[in-house]
Amino acid sequence: MKRILINNAFIVNEGEIFKGNILIEGELISKVSESPINVPVDILIDGTDHYLFPGCIDDQVHFREPGLTHKGEIYSEAKAAVAGGVTSYMEMPNTIPNVFTQELLEEKYKRASEVSLANYSFFMGASNDNLEEVLKTDPRKVCGIKVFMGSSTGNMLVDKKETLEGLFSKCKMLIATHCEDEETIKKNIQIYKDKYGEDVPIECHPLIRSEEACYISSSLAVSLAKKYNTRLHILHISTEKELELFDNKVLLKEKRITAEACIHHLWFSDEDYKTKGNYIKWNPAIKKKSDRDAILKGVLENRIDIIATDHAPHTIEEKEQPYSNAPSGGPLIQHSLTAMIELHKQGKISLEKIAEKMAHAVADCFQIEKRGYIREGYFADLVLVDMNSSFVVDRSNVLYKCGWSPFDGQTFHSKIKYTFVNGNLVYDNGFFNEEKKGERLTFIR
C-alpha cells in the first residue's frame, strides 16, 4: 500500500484553515494532523505556503460522449477536470443517443471506468414517456434523475403536465431540473426575429431566455416538489428573482429543495456579450450585473447550495456561427477552482466558503459516500494550490478537446499544483499519471 505525505500545507476544510499534514495510505486519508507525522513514505510533498482543498465535485457537466465526441470526450474533459482540481463529476444525459434506458446509462459507466481520470456518476434522463424506466434507477449507484423543463442542447424537453406530475410524485431519488419555460422563450424568439430577421444580436439572448422564463419554470418545479415532498435540485440559477424560491433557514442536510449556481453566472454579465459574443452564450442566459451579484449573495447566504460549471464544450466553428445557429454552452471545468479563488482575491468570497460550496455541500446534497471532506477514512481526493502563482489562459494551454475557453486572455493569480484522486497523484505540475482511472461514486441512500 503506497504512502504519501503532504507536509506543512494550509488545510481548507469544514469552515476553517489550519496548517497541517496529511497522510495518504492507499486510496484513503489515514491521518490529518497539526503535529508532524513521522512515518516512512513513498512520496513526500512539501506543501509549505500552499493551500490544500478537498477535491471539487462538479454536479453538472456535459462531456459529450457518446455521439458528440467532436466536441469533447469523457477522456479529454475528465483530464481537464483533474488539471482544474475537480476530482469527481456528474455528467448529463443529453448525449446521442439520449440516456433514456438503464442499458444506455450503464454503457456510459463502463466507458468512464476505462478512460476517466476523475471519479464519475451519470444522471438518468427523463423523457415524456420513460417514467417506468426512470423508476428502475438505483439510488445507491446513480446521482439522480435529470429533467429538462425547458429545451437546451439536445431533444430532451419534458413538457407534459401528467409526465411531470408522475415524476415528482413517484420518483424517490433526487430530481435535478433545467428550468426555463418553453412557451415564453418561443414567444420571445418570435418577437426578436420579427425585429431583426435571422440576424438577431447576441445581446438579445438574456431577453429571449428571460427572467420571466426562468421564474415561471423554477416556481413550477418548486410547487411540484412541495406538493409531493420531492427531493428537488434546481440547476444553474441565473436570476435574482429566483432566489426567493429557496430557504436559507434550514440546514442543507434537511433541505428537500436545493439550488446550484454556475461559474459563468457568478463571473460574467450581459455587458460581456460585446466582447465575448457567442462564447458566453449559455442556457439559461447570463443576465444583468444585478443578477450576477445577487447570485453570489445567494451563495454566501446559503440560499444557493452548490457551485458548479455546467461544462458544455462546442467547437470554435459552431460557436462562431450567427447567434440563432450557435449552440449554447461552453467549457469551464479546467478553471472553475482558480476562477473562484480569483473572486476570493477580489474580496468577494472566503476560501472556506469555496471549499464548502464546491466540495462539502455537493457531497451532502447528493449524499456521496466518503467524499467531499478532508477527513480520516475518507477517499483522498485532494487539491494542492499555489496561491501566489499566475498564468494567462489561452488556447495553447487549455486541455478541452474543443480547444478554447471563455476565459481566453484572463490572468488568474493561483495555480493548481497537485491533484489526488483516490490517493493517486494524477496531476503533478502539468504532468498526468494515467495508470489508474477514477471510480464510480456511490451514495448513502
Protein backbone atom coordinates (compact mmCIF):
# COMPACT_ATOMS: atom_id res chain seq x y z
CA MET A 1 0.00 0.00 0.00
CA LYS A 2 1.56 3.27 -1.17
CA ARG A 3 2.02 6.02 1.43
CA ILE A 4 2.04 9.72 0.52
CA LEU A 5 2.68 12.52 3.00
CA ILE A 6 1.73 16.14 2.37
CA ASN A 7 3.57 18.37 4.87
CA ASN A 8 3.02 21.91 6.13
CA ALA A 9 0.05 22.88 3.95
CA PHE A 10 -2.70 25.30 4.86
CA ILE A 11 -5.67 22.92 5.02
CA VAL A 12 -9.01 24.44 3.97
CA ASN A 13 -11.73 22.25 5.42
CA GLU A 14 -15.05 22.40 7.27
CA GLY A 15 -15.11 26.13 7.87
CA GLU A 16 -11.52 26.65 8.98
CA ILE A 17 -7.96 26.97 7.70
CA PHE A 18 -5.10 25.48 9.67
CA LYS A 19 -1.54 24.46 8.99
CA GLY A 20 -1.24 20.71 8.99
CA ASN A 21 -0.12 17.44 7.49
CA ILE A 22 -2.00 14.71 5.63
CA LEU A 23 -1.01 11.06 5.38
CA ILE A 24 -2.50 9.08 2.50
CA GLU A 25 -2.41 5.30 2.61
CA GLY A 26 -3.74 3.57 -0.48
CA GLU A 27 -6.98 5.24 -1.53
CA LEU A 28 -7.77 6.84 1.82
CA ILE A 29 -6.73 9.67 4.11
CA SER A 30 -5.32 7.85 7.13
CA LYS A 31 -4.23 10.84 9.26
CA VAL A 32 -4.88 14.58 9.45
CA SER A 33 -2.65 16.28 12.00
CA GLU A 34 -1.36 19.69 13.01
CA SER A 35 1.62 17.87 14.53
CA PRO A 36 4.38 16.29 12.42
CA ILE A 37 3.66 12.82 11.03
CA ASN A 38 6.80 10.73 11.31
CA VAL A 39 6.40 7.57 9.24
CA PRO A 40 8.28 6.18 6.23
CA VAL A 41 6.54 7.18 2.98
CA ASP A 42 6.82 6.55 -0.74
CA ILE A 43 6.18 10.16 -1.76
CA LEU A 44 6.78 13.30 0.31
CA ILE A 45 5.21 16.56 -0.89
CA ASP A 46 6.19 19.88 0.64
CA GLY A 47 3.00 21.91 0.98
CA THR A 48 4.69 24.95 2.52
CA ASP A 49 2.80 28.15 1.62
CA HIS A 50 0.30 26.11 -0.43
CA TYR A 51 -3.40 25.56 0.30
CA LEU A 52 -4.91 22.09 0.38
CA PHE A 53 -8.59 21.80 -0.59
CA PRO A 54 -10.88 18.79 -0.75
CA GLY A 55 -11.22 17.82 -4.40
CA CYS A 56 -14.02 19.73 -6.11
CA ILE A 57 -17.14 17.77 -7.06
CA ASP A 58 -18.89 19.19 -10.14
CA ASP A 59 -22.55 18.19 -10.16
CA GLN A 60 -23.27 19.33 -13.73
CA VAL A 61 -21.10 18.59 -16.74
CA HIS A 62 -21.65 17.61 -20.37
CA PHE A 63 -18.70 15.55 -21.63
CA ARG A 64 -20.44 14.80 -24.98
CA GLU A 65 -19.82 11.06 -25.17
CA PRO A 66 -21.39 9.18 -26.90
CA GLY A 67 -22.45 10.76 -30.15
CA LEU A 68 -20.97 14.26 -29.89
CA THR A 69 -17.31 13.40 -29.48
CA HIS A 70 -16.17 16.03 -31.99
CA LYS A 71 -16.90 18.49 -29.13
CA GLY A 72 -15.48 16.53 -26.20
CA GLU A 73 -14.96 13.06 -24.75
CA ILE A 74 -15.03 11.57 -21.28
CA TYR A 75 -11.25 11.10 -21.52
CA SER A 76 -10.35 14.64 -22.62
CA GLU A 77 -12.79 16.51 -20.37
CA ALA A 78 -12.04 14.41 -17.26
CA LYS A 79 -8.35 15.14 -17.85
CA ALA A 80 -9.13 18.86 -17.95
CA ALA A 81 -11.17 18.39 -14.77
CA VAL A 82 -8.32 16.97 -12.68
CA ALA A 83 -5.98 19.68 -14.01
CA GLY A 84 -8.50 22.15 -12.59
CA GLY A 85 -8.82 20.47 -9.20
CA VAL A 86 -12.10 18.68 -9.93
CA THR A 87 -11.80 15.10 -8.70
CA SER A 88 -15.41 13.95 -9.25
CA TYR A 89 -18.15 14.89 -11.69
CA MET A 90 -21.78 14.11 -12.51
CA GLU A 91 -22.49 14.02 -16.22
CA MET A 92 -25.73 14.77 -18.04
CA PRO A 93 -27.86 12.51 -20.28
CA ASN A 94 -28.29 14.74 -23.38
CA THR A 95 -25.79 12.77 -25.44
CA ILE A 96 -26.61 10.85 -28.63
CA PRO A 97 -28.49 8.67 -28.01
CA ASN A 98 -30.21 10.36 -25.06
CA VAL A 99 -29.82 8.29 -21.89
CA PHE A 100 -33.41 7.11 -21.52
CA THR A 101 -32.74 3.45 -20.63
CA GLN A 102 -30.80 1.66 -17.92
CA GLU A 103 -28.74 -0.11 -20.60
CA LEU A 104 -27.57 3.17 -22.14
CA LEU A 105 -26.81 4.53 -18.67
CA GLU A 106 -24.61 1.55 -17.82
CA GLU A 107 -22.76 1.89 -21.12
CA LYS A 108 -21.62 5.34 -20.03
CA TYR A 109 -20.42 3.98 -16.68
CA LYS A 110 -18.47 1.27 -18.47
CA ARG A 111 -16.82 3.79 -20.76
CA ALA A 112 -15.85 6.05 -17.84
CA SER A 113 -14.30 3.11 -15.98
CA GLU A 114 -11.97 2.66 -18.97
CA VAL A 115 -10.90 6.27 -19.62
CA SER A 116 -11.86 8.76 -16.86
CA LEU A 117 -9.07 10.09 -14.63
CA ALA A 118 -11.68 11.63 -12.29
CA ASN A 119 -14.41 9.88 -10.31
CA TYR A 120 -17.78 9.87 -12.02
CA SER A 121 -21.51 9.48 -11.88
CA PHE A 122 -24.12 9.84 -14.63
CA PHE A 123 -27.66 11.17 -14.46
CA MET A 124 -30.53 9.10 -15.80
CA GLY A 125 -32.56 11.10 -18.31
CA ALA A 126 -36.31 11.64 -18.11
CA SER A 127 -38.49 12.00 -21.20
CA ASN A 128 -42.21 12.44 -21.74
CA ASP A 129 -42.68 8.67 -21.88
CA ASN A 130 -39.99 6.74 -19.94
CA LEU A 131 -41.24 7.01 -16.35
CA GLU A 132 -41.17 3.24 -15.88
CA GLU A 133 -37.52 3.12 -16.91
CA VAL A 134 -36.64 6.09 -14.68
CA LEU A 135 -38.11 4.34 -11.65
CA LYS A 136 -35.71 1.40 -12.13
CA THR A 137 -32.72 3.64 -11.33
CA ASP A 138 -30.61 2.51 -8.35
CA PRO A 139 -30.27 5.42 -5.87
CA ARG A 140 -27.13 3.88 -4.35
CA LYS A 141 -25.29 3.86 -7.67
CA VAL A 142 -26.68 6.83 -9.65
CA CYS A 143 -26.51 10.51 -8.69
CA GLY A 144 -30.01 11.48 -9.80
CA ILE A 145 -32.64 11.97 -12.49
CA LYS A 146 -32.28 14.87 -14.95
CA VAL A 147 -35.39 16.67 -16.19
CA PHE A 148 -35.20 19.37 -18.86
CA MET A 149 -38.17 21.62 -18.06
CA GLY A 150 -37.01 23.77 -20.97
CA SER A 151 -35.21 22.76 -24.16
CA SER A 152 -31.48 23.29 -24.43
CA THR A 153 -28.78 21.29 -26.22
CA GLY A 154 -30.43 18.10 -27.41
CA ASN A 155 -34.06 16.97 -27.60
CA MET A 156 -34.99 16.11 -24.03
CA LEU A 157 -37.75 18.59 -23.21
CA VAL A 158 -40.29 17.26 -20.69
CA ASP A 159 -43.36 19.45 -21.15
CA LYS A 160 -46.36 17.21 -20.46
CA LYS A 161 -48.06 18.11 -17.19
CA GLU A 162 -49.02 14.50 -16.49
CA THR A 163 -45.39 13.40 -17.01
CA LEU A 164 -44.08 15.99 -14.57
CA GLU A 165 -46.75 15.06 -12.02
CA GLY A 166 -45.77 11.40 -12.40
CA LEU A 167 -42.05 12.09 -11.99
CA PHE A 168 -42.43 14.34 -8.97
CA SER A 169 -44.97 12.08 -7.26
CA LYS A 170 -43.34 8.69 -7.87
CA CYS A 171 -39.59 9.27 -8.06
CA LYS A 172 -37.88 8.85 -4.68
CA MET A 173 -34.47 9.93 -5.98
CA LEU A 174 -33.04 13.43 -6.36
CA ILE A 175 -34.51 15.15 -9.42
CA ALA A 176 -32.26 17.79 -11.00
CA THR A 177 -34.00 20.27 -13.27
CA HIS A 178 -33.12 22.69 -16.03
CA CYS A 179 -35.83 25.31 -15.60
CA GLU A 180 -36.86 27.62 -18.45
CA ASP A 181 -40.44 28.00 -19.70
CA GLU A 182 -40.62 26.89 -23.32
CA GLU A 183 -43.68 28.91 -24.34
CA THR A 184 -42.18 32.14 -23.01
CA ILE A 185 -38.93 31.51 -24.91
CA LYS A 186 -40.77 30.72 -28.16
CA LYS A 187 -42.80 33.93 -27.83
CA ASN A 188 -39.64 35.97 -27.20
CA ILE A 189 -37.78 34.39 -30.13
CA GLN A 190 -40.59 35.44 -32.43
CA ILE A 191 -40.53 39.00 -31.08
CA TYR A 192 -36.81 39.40 -31.80
CA LYS A 193 -36.96 37.61 -35.18
CA ASP A 194 -39.74 39.99 -36.21
CA LYS A 195 -37.48 42.87 -35.20
CA TYR A 196 -34.13 41.68 -36.58
CA GLY A 197 -34.91 38.86 -39.01
CA GLU A 198 -32.43 35.97 -38.84
CA ASP A 199 -29.61 38.29 -37.70
CA VAL A 200 -30.62 38.55 -34.01
CA PRO A 201 -27.81 40.14 -31.92
CA ILE A 202 -26.29 38.04 -29.13
CA GLU A 203 -27.20 40.85 -26.71
CA CYS A 204 -30.83 39.73 -27.07
CA HIS A 205 -30.09 36.28 -25.61
CA PRO A 206 -30.94 37.21 -21.97
CA LEU A 207 -34.11 38.93 -23.22
CA ILE A 208 -35.19 35.84 -25.16
CA ARG A 209 -34.30 33.37 -22.40
CA SER A 210 -35.60 35.87 -19.90
CA GLU A 211 -36.02 36.26 -16.16
CA GLU A 212 -39.72 35.51 -16.65
CA ALA A 213 -38.97 32.25 -18.50
CA CYS A 214 -36.69 31.11 -15.69
CA TYR A 215 -39.02 32.07 -12.85
CA ILE A 216 -42.16 30.51 -14.36
CA SER A 217 -40.38 27.17 -14.71
CA SER A 218 -38.43 27.25 -11.43
CA SER A 219 -41.53 28.18 -9.44
CA LEU A 220 -43.45 25.33 -11.12
CA ALA A 221 -40.72 22.86 -10.13
CA VAL A 222 -40.74 24.13 -6.55
CA SER A 223 -44.54 23.92 -6.34
CA LEU A 224 -44.49 20.32 -7.59
CA ALA A 225 -41.72 19.40 -5.15
CA LYS A 226 -43.65 20.89 -2.25
CA LYS A 227 -46.84 19.15 -3.34
CA TYR A 228 -45.21 15.71 -3.42
CA ASN A 229 -42.28 16.24 -0.98
CA THR A 230 -39.89 15.51 -3.87
CA ARG A 231 -36.13 15.85 -3.45
CA LEU A 232 -35.57 18.66 -5.97
CA HIS A 233 -32.30 20.26 -7.06
CA ILE A 234 -32.60 23.23 -9.45
CA LEU A 235 -29.55 23.74 -11.62
CA HIS A 236 -27.82 26.95 -12.81
CA ILE A 237 -29.85 29.71 -11.16
CA SER A 238 -29.44 32.84 -13.32
CA THR A 239 -31.75 35.49 -11.86
CA GLU A 240 -32.16 37.43 -8.66
CA LYS A 241 -35.91 36.78 -8.69
CA GLU A 242 -35.48 33.00 -8.39
CA LEU A 243 -33.66 33.36 -5.07
CA GLU A 244 -36.97 33.96 -3.27
CA LEU A 245 -37.86 30.32 -4.01
CA PHE A 246 -35.11 28.96 -1.76
CA ASP A 247 -34.80 28.73 2.01
CA ASN A 248 -31.64 29.56 3.95
CA LYS A 249 -33.08 28.89 7.40
CA VAL A 250 -32.76 25.09 7.12
CA LEU A 251 -29.55 23.08 7.29
CA LEU A 252 -28.52 21.63 3.94
CA LYS A 253 -28.88 18.02 5.12
CA GLU A 254 -32.51 18.75 5.99
CA LYS A 255 -33.44 20.57 2.77
CA ARG A 256 -35.77 18.94 0.26
CA ILE A 257 -35.28 21.74 -2.29
CA THR A 258 -31.75 22.88 -3.18
CA ALA A 259 -30.14 25.03 -5.84
CA GLU A 260 -26.92 25.39 -7.81
CA ALA A 261 -25.03 28.40 -9.16
CA CYS A 262 -22.58 28.12 -12.05
CA ILE A 263 -19.23 29.83 -12.52
CA HIS A 264 -20.33 31.80 -15.60
CA HIS A 265 -23.33 33.28 -13.79
CA LEU A 266 -21.01 34.36 -10.96
CA TRP A 267 -18.37 35.83 -13.28
CA PHE A 268 -19.90 37.37 -16.43
CA SER A 269 -22.77 39.79 -17.02
CA ASP A 270 -24.73 40.95 -20.08
CA GLU A 271 -22.10 43.65 -20.60
CA ASP A 272 -19.63 40.94 -21.63
CA TYR A 273 -21.62 39.92 -24.72
CA LYS A 274 -19.99 42.87 -26.54
CA THR A 275 -16.55 41.27 -26.34
CA LYS A 276 -17.27 37.57 -25.78
CA GLY A 277 -20.26 37.14 -28.09
CA ASN A 278 -21.49 33.56 -28.56
CA TYR A 279 -18.60 32.26 -26.47
CA ILE A 280 -20.66 33.14 -23.39
CA LYS A 281 -23.97 32.00 -24.84
CA TRP A 282 -25.43 29.64 -22.23
CA ASN A 283 -28.89 28.39 -21.33
CA PRO A 284 -30.08 29.84 -19.01
CA ALA A 285 -28.56 33.07 -20.26
CA ILE A 286 -26.04 35.27 -18.47
CA LYS A 287 -28.11 38.25 -17.39
CA LYS A 288 -27.64 41.61 -15.64
CA LYS A 289 -24.88 42.60 -13.21
CA SER A 290 -27.53 42.83 -10.52
CA ASP A 291 -28.44 39.18 -11.16
CA ARG A 292 -24.79 38.15 -11.02
CA ASP A 293 -24.24 39.97 -7.74
CA ALA A 294 -27.45 38.61 -6.23
CA ILE A 295 -26.49 35.04 -7.14
CA LEU A 296 -23.16 35.45 -5.34
CA LYS A 297 -25.04 36.87 -2.35
CA GLY A 298 -27.35 33.85 -2.52
CA VAL A 299 -24.31 31.58 -2.35
CA LEU A 300 -22.91 33.43 0.66
CA GLU A 301 -26.28 33.40 2.44
CA ASN A 302 -26.87 29.68 1.69
CA ARG A 303 -29.95 30.16 -0.45
CA ILE A 304 -27.82 28.57 -3.17
CA ASP A 305 -26.13 25.41 -2.00
CA ILE A 306 -23.60 24.38 -4.66
CA ILE A 307 -21.19 25.95 -7.17
CA ALA A 308 -20.66 24.00 -10.41
CA THR A 309 -19.74 24.63 -14.04
CA ASP A 310 -22.34 23.26 -16.49
CA HIS A 311 -19.19 22.48 -18.52
CA ALA A 312 -20.53 22.06 -22.08
CA PRO A 313 -17.99 22.21 -24.93
CA HIS A 314 -18.78 23.12 -28.53
CA THR A 315 -16.29 23.62 -31.35
CA ILE A 316 -14.99 27.05 -32.30
CA GLU A 317 -16.67 26.69 -35.70
CA GLU A 318 -20.03 26.00 -34.06
CA LYS A 319 -19.70 28.94 -31.70
CA GLU A 320 -18.71 31.36 -34.49
CA GLN A 321 -21.96 30.84 -36.38
CA PRO A 322 -24.63 33.57 -36.27
CA TYR A 323 -26.46 33.83 -32.94
CA SER A 324 -29.53 31.83 -34.00
CA ASN A 325 -27.40 28.86 -35.12
CA ALA A 326 -24.67 28.95 -32.48
CA PRO A 327 -25.23 26.34 -29.74
CA SER A 328 -25.42 27.30 -26.08
CA GLY A 329 -22.80 26.14 -23.59
CA GLY A 330 -19.08 26.43 -23.03
CA PRO A 331 -16.10 24.68 -21.41
CA LEU A 332 -15.26 25.74 -17.85
CA ILE A 333 -14.11 22.82 -15.71
CA GLN A 334 -10.34 23.38 -16.04
CA HIS A 335 -10.61 26.84 -14.48
CA SER A 336 -13.53 26.55 -12.05
CA LEU A 337 -11.50 26.47 -8.83
CA THR A 338 -8.98 29.09 -9.98
CA ALA A 339 -11.87 31.36 -11.05
CA MET A 340 -13.45 31.10 -7.60
CA ILE A 341 -10.09 31.73 -5.93
CA GLU A 342 -9.80 34.83 -8.12
CA LEU A 343 -13.12 36.04 -6.69
CA HIS A 344 -11.66 35.36 -3.25
CA LYS A 345 -8.66 37.52 -4.08
CA GLN A 346 -11.13 40.26 -5.06
CA GLY A 347 -12.62 40.03 -1.56
CA LYS A 348 -15.92 38.50 -2.69
CA ILE A 349 -15.85 35.04 -1.08
CA SER A 350 -13.77 33.20 1.52
CA LEU A 351 -11.65 30.13 0.81
CA GLU A 352 -13.68 28.25 3.42
CA LYS A 353 -16.90 29.05 1.56
CA ILE A 354 -15.35 27.89 -1.73
CA ALA A 355 -14.47 24.52 -0.17
CA GLU A 356 -17.98 24.30 1.25
CA LYS A 357 -19.83 25.06 -1.99
CA MET A 358 -17.56 23.11 -4.36
CA ALA A 359 -16.94 20.02 -2.20
CA HIS A 360 -18.64 19.68 1.21
CA ALA A 361 -22.12 20.80 0.13
CA VAL A 362 -22.09 18.72 -3.05
CA ALA A 363 -21.27 15.61 -1.02
CA ASP A 364 -24.04 16.44 1.47
CA CYS A 365 -26.62 17.39 -1.16
CA PHE A 366 -26.16 14.16 -3.13
CA GLN A 367 -25.27 12.01 -0.09
CA ILE A 368 -21.99 10.90 -1.66
CA GLU A 369 -20.17 8.21 0.25
CA LYS A 370 -16.85 9.19 1.92
CA ARG A 371 -16.01 12.15 -0.30
CA GLY A 372 -16.11 15.94 -0.24
CA TYR A 373 -14.22 16.43 3.03
CA ILE A 374 -10.66 16.14 4.33
CA ARG A 375 -11.36 13.50 6.96
CA GLU A 376 -9.61 10.39 8.17
CA GLY A 377 -11.13 7.35 6.50
CA TYR A 378 -12.41 9.35 3.52
CA PHE A 379 -11.12 8.93 -0.03
CA ALA A 380 -8.00 11.00 -0.65
CA ASP A 381 -9.48 13.36 -3.27
CA LEU A 382 -7.32 16.43 -2.70
CA VAL A 383 -6.04 19.54 -4.49
CA LEU A 384 -2.90 21.50 -3.57
CA VAL A 385 -2.97 25.09 -4.81
CA ASP A 386 -0.21 27.66 -5.15
CA MET A 387 -2.00 30.88 -4.25
CA ASN A 388 0.86 33.09 -5.47
CA SER A 389 1.48 31.78 -8.98
CA SER A 390 -0.08 33.43 -12.04
CA PHE A 391 -0.92 32.27 -15.55
CA VAL A 392 -2.83 33.55 -18.56
CA VAL A 393 -5.49 31.37 -20.17
CA ASP A 394 -5.03 30.95 -23.90
CA ARG A 395 -5.78 28.32 -26.49
CA SER A 396 -2.30 26.84 -26.17
CA ASN A 397 -2.85 25.76 -22.56
CA VAL A 398 -6.48 24.62 -22.46
CA LEU A 399 -6.99 20.86 -22.34
CA TYR A 400 -10.55 20.68 -23.66
CA LYS A 401 -10.98 18.86 -26.95
CA CYS A 402 -12.80 21.92 -28.35
CA GLY A 403 -9.60 23.95 -27.87
CA TRP A 404 -10.93 27.20 -26.38
CA SER A 405 -12.14 28.76 -23.13
CA PRO A 406 -14.50 31.66 -22.33
CA PHE A 407 -11.64 32.80 -20.07
CA ASP A 408 -9.26 33.31 -23.03
CA GLY A 409 -6.93 36.19 -22.10
CA GLN A 410 -7.82 36.08 -18.41
CA THR A 411 -4.97 36.18 -15.88
CA PHE A 412 -5.53 34.00 -12.83
CA HIS A 413 -3.37 34.54 -9.75
CA SER A 414 -3.39 30.99 -8.42
CA LYS A 415 -2.43 27.66 -9.93
CA ILE A 416 -3.35 24.03 -9.34
CA LYS A 417 -0.12 22.18 -8.50
CA TYR A 418 -1.20 18.67 -7.49
CA THR A 419 -4.47 16.74 -7.76
CA PHE A 420 -5.06 13.42 -6.00
CA VAL A 421 -7.91 11.08 -6.96
CA ASN A 422 -8.48 8.13 -4.62
CA GLY A 423 -4.97 8.62 -3.25
CA ASN A 424 -3.36 8.61 -6.71
CA LEU A 425 -1.30 11.64 -7.70
CA VAL A 426 -2.93 12.06 -11.11
CA TYR A 427 -1.83 15.65 -11.82
CA ASP A 428 1.63 16.92 -10.93
CA ASN A 429 2.59 20.42 -12.14
CA GLY A 430 1.28 19.90 -15.66
CA PHE A 431 2.05 16.19 -15.93
CA PHE A 432 -0.53 13.39 -15.74
CA ASN A 433 -0.29 9.91 -14.28
CA GLU A 434 -2.89 7.87 -16.16
CA GLU A 435 -2.10 4.45 -14.71
CA LYS A 436 -5.23 4.33 -12.55
CA LYS A 437 -8.67 5.59 -13.50
CA GLY A 438 -11.28 7.24 -11.31
CA GLU A 439 -14.05 5.30 -9.60
CA ARG A 440 -17.83 5.25 -9.71
CA LEU A 441 -19.36 7.39 -6.99
CA THR A 442 -21.67 5.67 -4.53
CA PHE A 443 -24.41 7.27 -2.47
CA ILE A 444 -25.71 6.74 1.06
CA ARG A 445 -29.42 6.45 0.32
